[in-house]
C-alpha atoms as a PDB file:
ATOM      1  CA  MET A   1      99.011  39.557 -77.533  1.00  0.00           C
ATOM      2  CA  ARG A   2      99.378  37.028 -80.339  1.00  0.00           C
ATOM      3  CA  LYS A   3      98.523  33.367 -80.104  1.00  0.00           C
ATOM      4  CA  LEU A   4     101.528  31.146 -80.806  1.00  0.00           C
ATOM      5  CA  ALA A   5     101.487  28.923 -83.872  1.00  0.00           C
ATOM      6  CA  ASN A   6     102.025  25.200 -83.300  1.00  0.00           C
ATOM      7  CA  ALA A   7     105.477  25.434 -84.898  1.00  0.00           C
ATOM      8  CA  GLU A   8     106.495  28.011 -82.242  1.00  0.00           C
ATOM      9  CA  LEU A   9     105.649  25.718 -79.301  1.00  0.00           C
ATOM     10  CA  ASN A  10     108.822  23.617 -79.645  1.00  0.00           C
ATOM     11  CA  ARG A  11     107.002  20.375 -78.888  1.00  0.00           C
ATOM     12  CA  LYS A  12     108.861  17.080 -78.882  1.00  0.00           C
ATOM     13  CA  SER A  13     108.586  14.628 -81.740  1.00  0.00           C
ATOM     14  CA  VAL A  14     107.330  11.138 -80.826  1.00  0.00           C
ATOM     15  CA  GLU A  15     110.933   9.912 -80.932  1.00  0.00           C
ATOM     16  CA  GLU A  16     112.130  12.753 -78.658  1.00  0.00           C
ATOM     17  CA  TYR A  17     109.229  12.105 -76.278  1.00  0.00           C
ATOM     18  CA  LYS A  18     110.097   8.409 -76.002  1.00  0.00           C
ATOM     19  CA  LYS A  19     113.723   9.307 -75.139  1.00  0.00           C
ATOM     20  CA  ALA A  20     112.852  12.118 -72.694  1.00  0.00           C
ATOM     21  CA  GLU A  21     113.162  11.671 -68.932  1.00  0.00           C
ATOM     22  CA  LYS A  22     109.688  11.040 -67.518  1.00  0.00           C
ATOM     23  CA  ILE A  23     108.176  11.824 -64.146  1.00  0.00           C
ATOM     24  CA  PRO A  24     108.211   8.573 -62.124  1.00  0.00           C
ATOM     25  CA  VAL A  25     104.441   8.121 -62.225  1.00  0.00           C
ATOM     26  CA  VAL A  26     102.340   5.353 -63.732  1.00  0.00           C
ATOM     27  CA  VAL A  27      98.647   6.003 -64.305  1.00  0.00           C
ATOM     28  CA  VAL A  28      96.408   2.955 -63.853  1.00  0.00           C
ATOM     29  CA  LEU A  29      92.900   2.936 -65.313  1.00  0.00           C
ATOM     30  CA  ASP A  30      90.741   0.463 -63.378  1.00  0.00           C
ATOM     31  CA  ASN A  31      87.826  -0.547 -65.626  1.00  0.00           C
ATOM     32  CA  VAL A  32      87.288   2.811 -67.346  1.00  0.00           C
ATOM     33  CA  ARG A  33      84.580   2.297 -69.946  1.00  0.00           C
ATOM     34  CA  SER A  34      84.505   5.541 -71.968  1.00  0.00           C
ATOM     35  CA  LEU A  35      86.810   5.503 -74.962  1.00  0.00           C
ATOM     36  CA  ASN A  36      86.824   9.303 -74.997  1.00  0.00           C
ATOM     37  CA  ASN A  37      87.986   9.361 -71.366  1.00  0.00           C
ATOM     38  CA  ILE A  38      90.736   6.856 -72.170  1.00  0.00           C
ATOM     39  CA  GLY A  39      91.912   9.020 -75.076  1.00  0.00           C
ATOM     40  CA  SER A  40      91.865  12.130 -72.897  1.00  0.00           C
ATOM     41  CA  VAL A  41      93.984  10.408 -70.243  1.00  0.00           C
ATOM     42  CA  PHE A  42      96.524   9.419 -72.933  1.00  0.00           C
ATOM     43  CA  ARG A  43      96.745  13.043 -73.985  1.00  0.00           C
ATOM     44  CA  THR A  44      97.154  14.278 -70.406  1.00  0.00           C
ATOM     45  CA  CYS A  45      99.871  11.672 -69.746  1.00  0.00           C
ATOM     46  CA  ASP A  46     101.670  12.955 -72.839  1.00  0.00           C
ATOM     47  CA  ALA A  47     101.399  16.587 -71.704  1.00  0.00           C
ATOM     48  CA  PHE A  48     102.982  15.912 -68.304  1.00  0.00           C
ATOM     49  CA  LEU A  49     105.638  13.355 -69.379  1.00  0.00           C
ATOM     50  CA  ILE A  50     104.091  10.518 -67.377  1.00  0.00           C
ATOM     51  CA  GLU A  51     106.192   7.349 -67.355  1.00  0.00           C
ATOM     52  CA  SER A  52     103.479   4.906 -68.384  1.00  0.00           C
ATOM     53  CA  LEU A  53      99.755   4.196 -68.596  1.00  0.00           C
ATOM     54  CA  PHE A  54      98.303   0.829 -67.517  1.00  0.00           C
ATOM     55  CA  LEU A  55      94.914  -0.063 -68.995  1.00  0.00           C
ATOM     56  CA  CYS A  56      93.079  -2.686 -66.934  1.00  0.00           C
ATOM     57  CA  GLY A  57      89.940  -4.812 -67.120  1.00  0.00           C
ATOM     58  CA  ILE A  58      87.239  -3.416 -69.426  1.00  0.00           C
ATOM     59  CA  THR A  59      89.428  -0.412 -70.300  1.00  0.00           C
ATOM     60  CA  ALA A  60      89.820  -0.456 -74.083  1.00  0.00           C
ATOM     61  CA  THR A  61      93.203  -0.278 -75.783  1.00  0.00           C
ATOM     62  CA  PRO A  62      94.521   1.419 -78.907  1.00  0.00           C
ATOM     63  CA  PRO A  63      94.144   1.335 -81.782  1.00  0.00           C
ATOM     64  CA  HIS A  64      90.550   2.484 -81.646  1.00  0.00           C
ATOM     65  CA  ARG A  65      88.896   5.329 -83.541  1.00  0.00           C
ATOM     66  CA  GLU A  66      87.122   6.720 -80.445  1.00  0.00           C
ATOM     67  CA  ILE A  67      90.310   6.684 -78.343  1.00  0.00           C
ATOM     68  CA  HIS A  68      92.234   8.333 -81.190  1.00  0.00           C
ATOM     69  CA  LYS A  69      89.597  11.079 -81.471  1.00  0.00           C
ATOM     70  CA  THR A  70      90.563  12.524 -78.071  1.00  0.00           C
ATOM     71  CA  ALA A  71      94.150  11.233 -77.771  1.00  0.00           C
ATOM     72  CA  LEU A  72      95.156  13.062 -80.977  1.00  0.00           C
ATOM     73  CA  GLY A  73      98.199  10.838 -81.509  1.00  0.00           C
ATOM     74  CA  ALA A  74      99.285  10.549 -77.853  1.00  0.00           C
ATOM     75  CA  THR A  75      98.812   6.767 -78.118  1.00  0.00           C
ATOM     76  CA  ASP A  76     101.921   6.755 -80.340  1.00  0.00           C
ATOM     77  CA  ALA A  77     104.073   8.513 -77.723  1.00  0.00           C
ATOM     78  CA  VAL A  78     102.864   7.348 -74.303  1.00  0.00           C
ATOM     79  CA  ASN A  79     104.146   3.977 -73.128  1.00  0.00           C
ATOM     80  CA  TRP A  80     101.147   1.781 -72.252  1.00  0.00           C
ATOM     81  CA  SER A  81     100.379  -1.782 -71.203  1.00  0.00           C
ATOM     82  CA  TYR A  82      97.193  -3.809 -70.828  1.00  0.00           C
ATOM     83  CA  PHE A  83      96.344  -6.029 -67.848  1.00  0.00           C
ATOM     84  CA  ASP A  84      93.273  -8.246 -67.700  1.00  0.00           C
ATOM     85  CA  LYS A  85      93.165  -7.704 -63.917  1.00  0.00           C
ATOM     86  CA  THR A  86      94.029  -4.475 -62.134  1.00  0.00           C
ATOM     87  CA  ASN A  87      95.402  -6.397 -59.153  1.00  0.00           C
ATOM     88  CA  ASP A  88      98.036  -7.955 -61.462  1.00  0.00           C
ATOM     89  CA  ALA A  89      99.095  -4.481 -62.592  1.00  0.00           C
ATOM     90  CA  LEU A  90      99.350  -3.313 -58.979  1.00  0.00           C
ATOM     91  CA  ALA A  91     101.313  -6.420 -57.954  1.00  0.00           C
ATOM     92  CA  GLN A  92     103.858  -5.653 -60.686  1.00  0.00           C
ATOM     93  CA  LEU A  93     104.076  -1.994 -59.680  1.00  0.00           C
ATOM     94  CA  ARG A  94     104.470  -2.872 -55.971  1.00  0.00           C
ATOM     95  CA  SER A  95     107.285  -5.311 -56.840  1.00  0.00           C
ATOM     96  CA  GLU A  96     108.996  -2.446 -58.699  1.00  0.00           C
ATOM     97  CA  GLY A  97     108.788  -0.170 -55.659  1.00  0.00           C
ATOM     98  CA  TYR A  98     105.893   2.109 -56.554  1.00  0.00           C
ATOM     99  CA  THR A  99     103.669   3.684 -53.894  1.00  0.00           C
ATOM    100  CA  LEU A 100     100.103   2.724 -54.878  1.00  0.00           C
ATOM    101  CA  CYS A 101      97.603   5.597 -54.649  1.00  0.00           C
ATOM    102  CA  ALA A 102      93.872   5.230 -55.269  1.00  0.00           C
ATOM    103  CA  ILE A 103      92.268   8.437 -56.484  1.00  0.00           C
ATOM    104  CA  GLU A 104      89.149   7.915 -54.424  1.00  0.00           C
ATOM    105  CA  GLN A 105      87.085   9.189 -51.521  1.00  0.00           C
ATOM    106  CA  THR A 106      87.851   6.991 -48.509  1.00  0.00           C
ATOM    107  CA  GLU A 107      87.711   7.378 -44.749  1.00  0.00           C
ATOM    108  CA  LYS A 108      91.473   8.070 -44.738  1.00  0.00           C
ATOM    109  CA  SER A 109      91.851  10.115 -47.939  1.00  0.00           C
ATOM    110  CA  ILE A 110      94.579  12.711 -48.213  1.00  0.00           C
ATOM    111  CA  MET A 111      93.207  15.850 -49.830  1.00  0.00           C
ATOM    112  CA  LEU A 112      95.058  16.512 -53.080  1.00  0.00           C
ATOM    113  CA  HIS A 113      96.364  19.911 -51.955  1.00  0.00           C
ATOM    114  CA  HIS A 114      98.003  18.192 -48.939  1.00  0.00           C
ATOM    115  CA  PHE A 115      99.623  15.383 -50.976  1.00  0.00           C
ATOM    116  CA  ARG A 116     103.320  15.876 -51.743  1.00  0.00           C
ATOM    117  CA  THR A 117     105.534  13.615 -53.774  1.00  0.00           C
ATOM    118  CA  GLU A 118     108.779  12.584 -52.143  1.00  0.00           C
ATOM    119  CA  PRO A 119     112.067  12.878 -54.061  1.00  0.00           C
ATOM    120  CA  GLY A 120     113.231   9.490 -55.294  1.00  0.00           C
ATOM    121  CA  GLU A 121     109.782   7.900 -54.837  1.00  0.00           C
ATOM    122  CA  ARG A 122     107.724   6.428 -57.660  1.00  0.00           C
ATOM    123  CA  TYR A 123     103.939   6.551 -57.672  1.00  0.00           C
ATOM    124  CA  ALA A 124     101.118   4.633 -59.308  1.00  0.00           C
ATOM    125  CA  LEU A 125      97.890   6.634 -59.470  1.00  0.00           C
ATOM    126  CA  VAL A 126      94.771   4.476 -59.828  1.00  0.00           C
ATOM    127  CA  PHE A 127      91.684   6.030 -61.423  1.00  0.00           C
ATOM    128  CA  GLY A 128      88.416   4.109 -61.512  1.00  0.00           C
ATOM    129  CA  HIS A 129      85.211   3.411 -63.383  1.00  0.00           C
ATOM    130  CA  GLU A 130      83.042   6.416 -64.266  1.00  0.00           C
ATOM    131  CA  ILE A 131      80.133   5.358 -62.033  1.00  0.00           C
ATOM    132  CA  HIS A 132      81.631   3.031 -59.402  1.00  0.00           C
ATOM    133  CA  GLY A 133      85.090   4.571 -58.974  1.00  0.00           C
ATOM    134  CA  VAL A 134      88.084   2.462 -57.971  1.00  0.00           C
ATOM    135  CA  ASP A 135      86.910  -1.014 -56.979  1.00  0.00           C
ATOM    136  CA  GLN A 136      87.084  -1.617 -53.201  1.00  0.00           C
ATOM    137  CA  ASP A 137      89.314  -4.675 -53.723  1.00  0.00           C
ATOM    138  CA  ILE A 138      91.762  -2.407 -55.552  1.00  0.00           C
ATOM    139  CA  VAL A 139      91.518   0.330 -52.887  1.00  0.00           C
ATOM    140  CA  ASN A 140      92.447  -2.363 -50.340  1.00  0.00           C
ATOM    141  CA  LEU A 141      95.698  -3.012 -52.241  1.00  0.00           C
ATOM    142  CA  CYS A 142      96.722   0.655 -52.248  1.00  0.00           C
ATOM    143  CA  ASP A 143      99.033   2.373 -49.776  1.00  0.00           C
ATOM    144  CA  LEU A 144      96.942   5.534 -49.623  1.00  0.00           C
ATOM    145  CA  SER A 145      94.059   7.345 -51.252  1.00  0.00           C
ATOM    146  CA  ILE A 146      94.041  10.864 -52.613  1.00  0.00           C
ATOM    147  CA  GLU A 147      90.835  12.884 -52.845  1.00  0.00           C
ATOM    148  CA  ILE A 148      90.085  15.938 -54.948  1.00  0.00           C
ATOM    149  CA  PRO A 149      88.276  18.464 -52.726  1.00  0.00           C
ATOM    150  CA  GLN A 150      84.785  19.278 -53.981  1.00  0.00           C
ATOM    151  CA  LEU A 151      82.281  21.796 -52.628  1.00  0.00           C
ATOM    152  CA  GLY A 152      79.327  21.414 -54.988  1.00  0.00           C
ATOM    153  CA  THR A 153      76.312  19.102 -54.995  1.00  0.00           C
ATOM    154  CA  LYS A 154      77.934  16.227 -56.882  1.00  0.00           C
ATOM    155  CA  HIS A 155      80.217  13.667 -55.276  1.00  0.00           C
ATOM    156  CA  SER A 156      82.439  12.968 -58.259  1.00  0.00           C
ATOM    157  CA  ILE A 157      84.296  14.475 -61.197  1.00  0.00           C
ATOM    158  CA  ASN A 158      84.640  12.963 -64.677  1.00  0.00           C
ATOM    159  CA  ILE A 159      87.611  10.565 -64.854  1.00  0.00           C
ATOM    160  CA  ALA A 160      89.402  12.528 -67.585  1.00  0.00           C
ATOM    161  CA  VAL A 161      88.995  15.775 -65.643  1.00  0.00           C
ATOM    162  CA  SER A 162      90.109  14.054 -62.420  1.00  0.00           C
ATOM    163  CA  ALA A 163      93.212  12.754 -64.169  1.00  0.00           C
ATOM    164  CA  GLY A 164      93.994  16.242 -65.446  1.00  0.00           C
ATOM    165  CA  ILE A 165      93.633  17.792 -61.992  1.00  0.00           C
ATOM    166  CA  VAL A 166      95.674  15.133 -60.179  1.00  0.00           C
ATOM    167  CA  LEU A 167      98.397  14.839 -62.818  1.00  0.00           C
ATOM    168  CA  TRP A 168      98.825  18.614 -62.953  1.00  0.00           C
ATOM    169  CA  GLU A 169      99.276  18.729 -59.165  1.00  0.00           C
ATOM    170  CA  VAL A 170     101.743  15.811 -59.197  1.00  0.00           C
ATOM    171  CA  PHE A 171     103.627  17.345 -62.140  1.00  0.00           C
ATOM    172  CA  ARG A 172     103.779  20.665 -60.260  1.00  0.00           C
ATOM    173  CA  ASN A 173     105.243  18.870 -57.220  1.00  0.00           C
ATOM    174  CA  TYR A 174     107.991  17.313 -59.334  1.00  0.00           C
ATOM    175  CA  VAL A 175     108.769  20.556 -61.168  1.00  0.00           C
ATOM    176  CA  ASN A 176     108.977  22.504 -57.883  1.00  0.00           C
ATOM    177  CA  ALA A 177     111.265  19.868 -56.332  1.00  0.00           C
ATOM    178  CA  TYR A 178     113.449  19.939 -59.477  1.00  0.00           C
ATOM    179  CA  LEU A 179     113.689  23.739 -59.414  1.00  0.00           C
ATOM    180  CA  ILE A 180     114.566  23.804 -55.700  1.00  0.00           C
ATOM    181  CA  LYS A 181     117.204  21.088 -56.183  1.00  0.00           C
ATOM    182  CA  ASN A 182     118.804  22.874 -59.144  1.00  0.00           C
ATOM    183  CA  ARG A 183     118.934  26.469 -57.819  1.00  0.00           C
END
């Protein structure tokens, strides 16, 4: 088998990406400190046609060399906004009809493999600080929490990896629903 060249991948231009229909998901970064993680989340949002990325609190914003290093230009395509306070971002999203989902381990977490998106619903997925996770005050504002099952010795996964896992699963849900609807 032969690896495909970039020109054969038929990727969208930035202009085409901005015009493309997005999955109705907003990713919210609640005080994420690592610029490399922020850049990786931009790139993952680009890959799965995520509607928007909200950067909150201490989360840095583009342009920044360290974000660019991992985003590889995704900061030019992905729609993003900055909020000084995560609760302000969530208040806006709630007023726009989004279901607020903390990606966190809580006493009432839904395991990721059991979470299903509902047709016509819009979701905001809140990812937290690398050490402390999603702040409890922010968890309290959310409608539900989604947990990534883990069987090893550690109790957490890197934020950029977590975003990749969760966004892939959410993307898969939307693609499956689209395929079923359009058979």
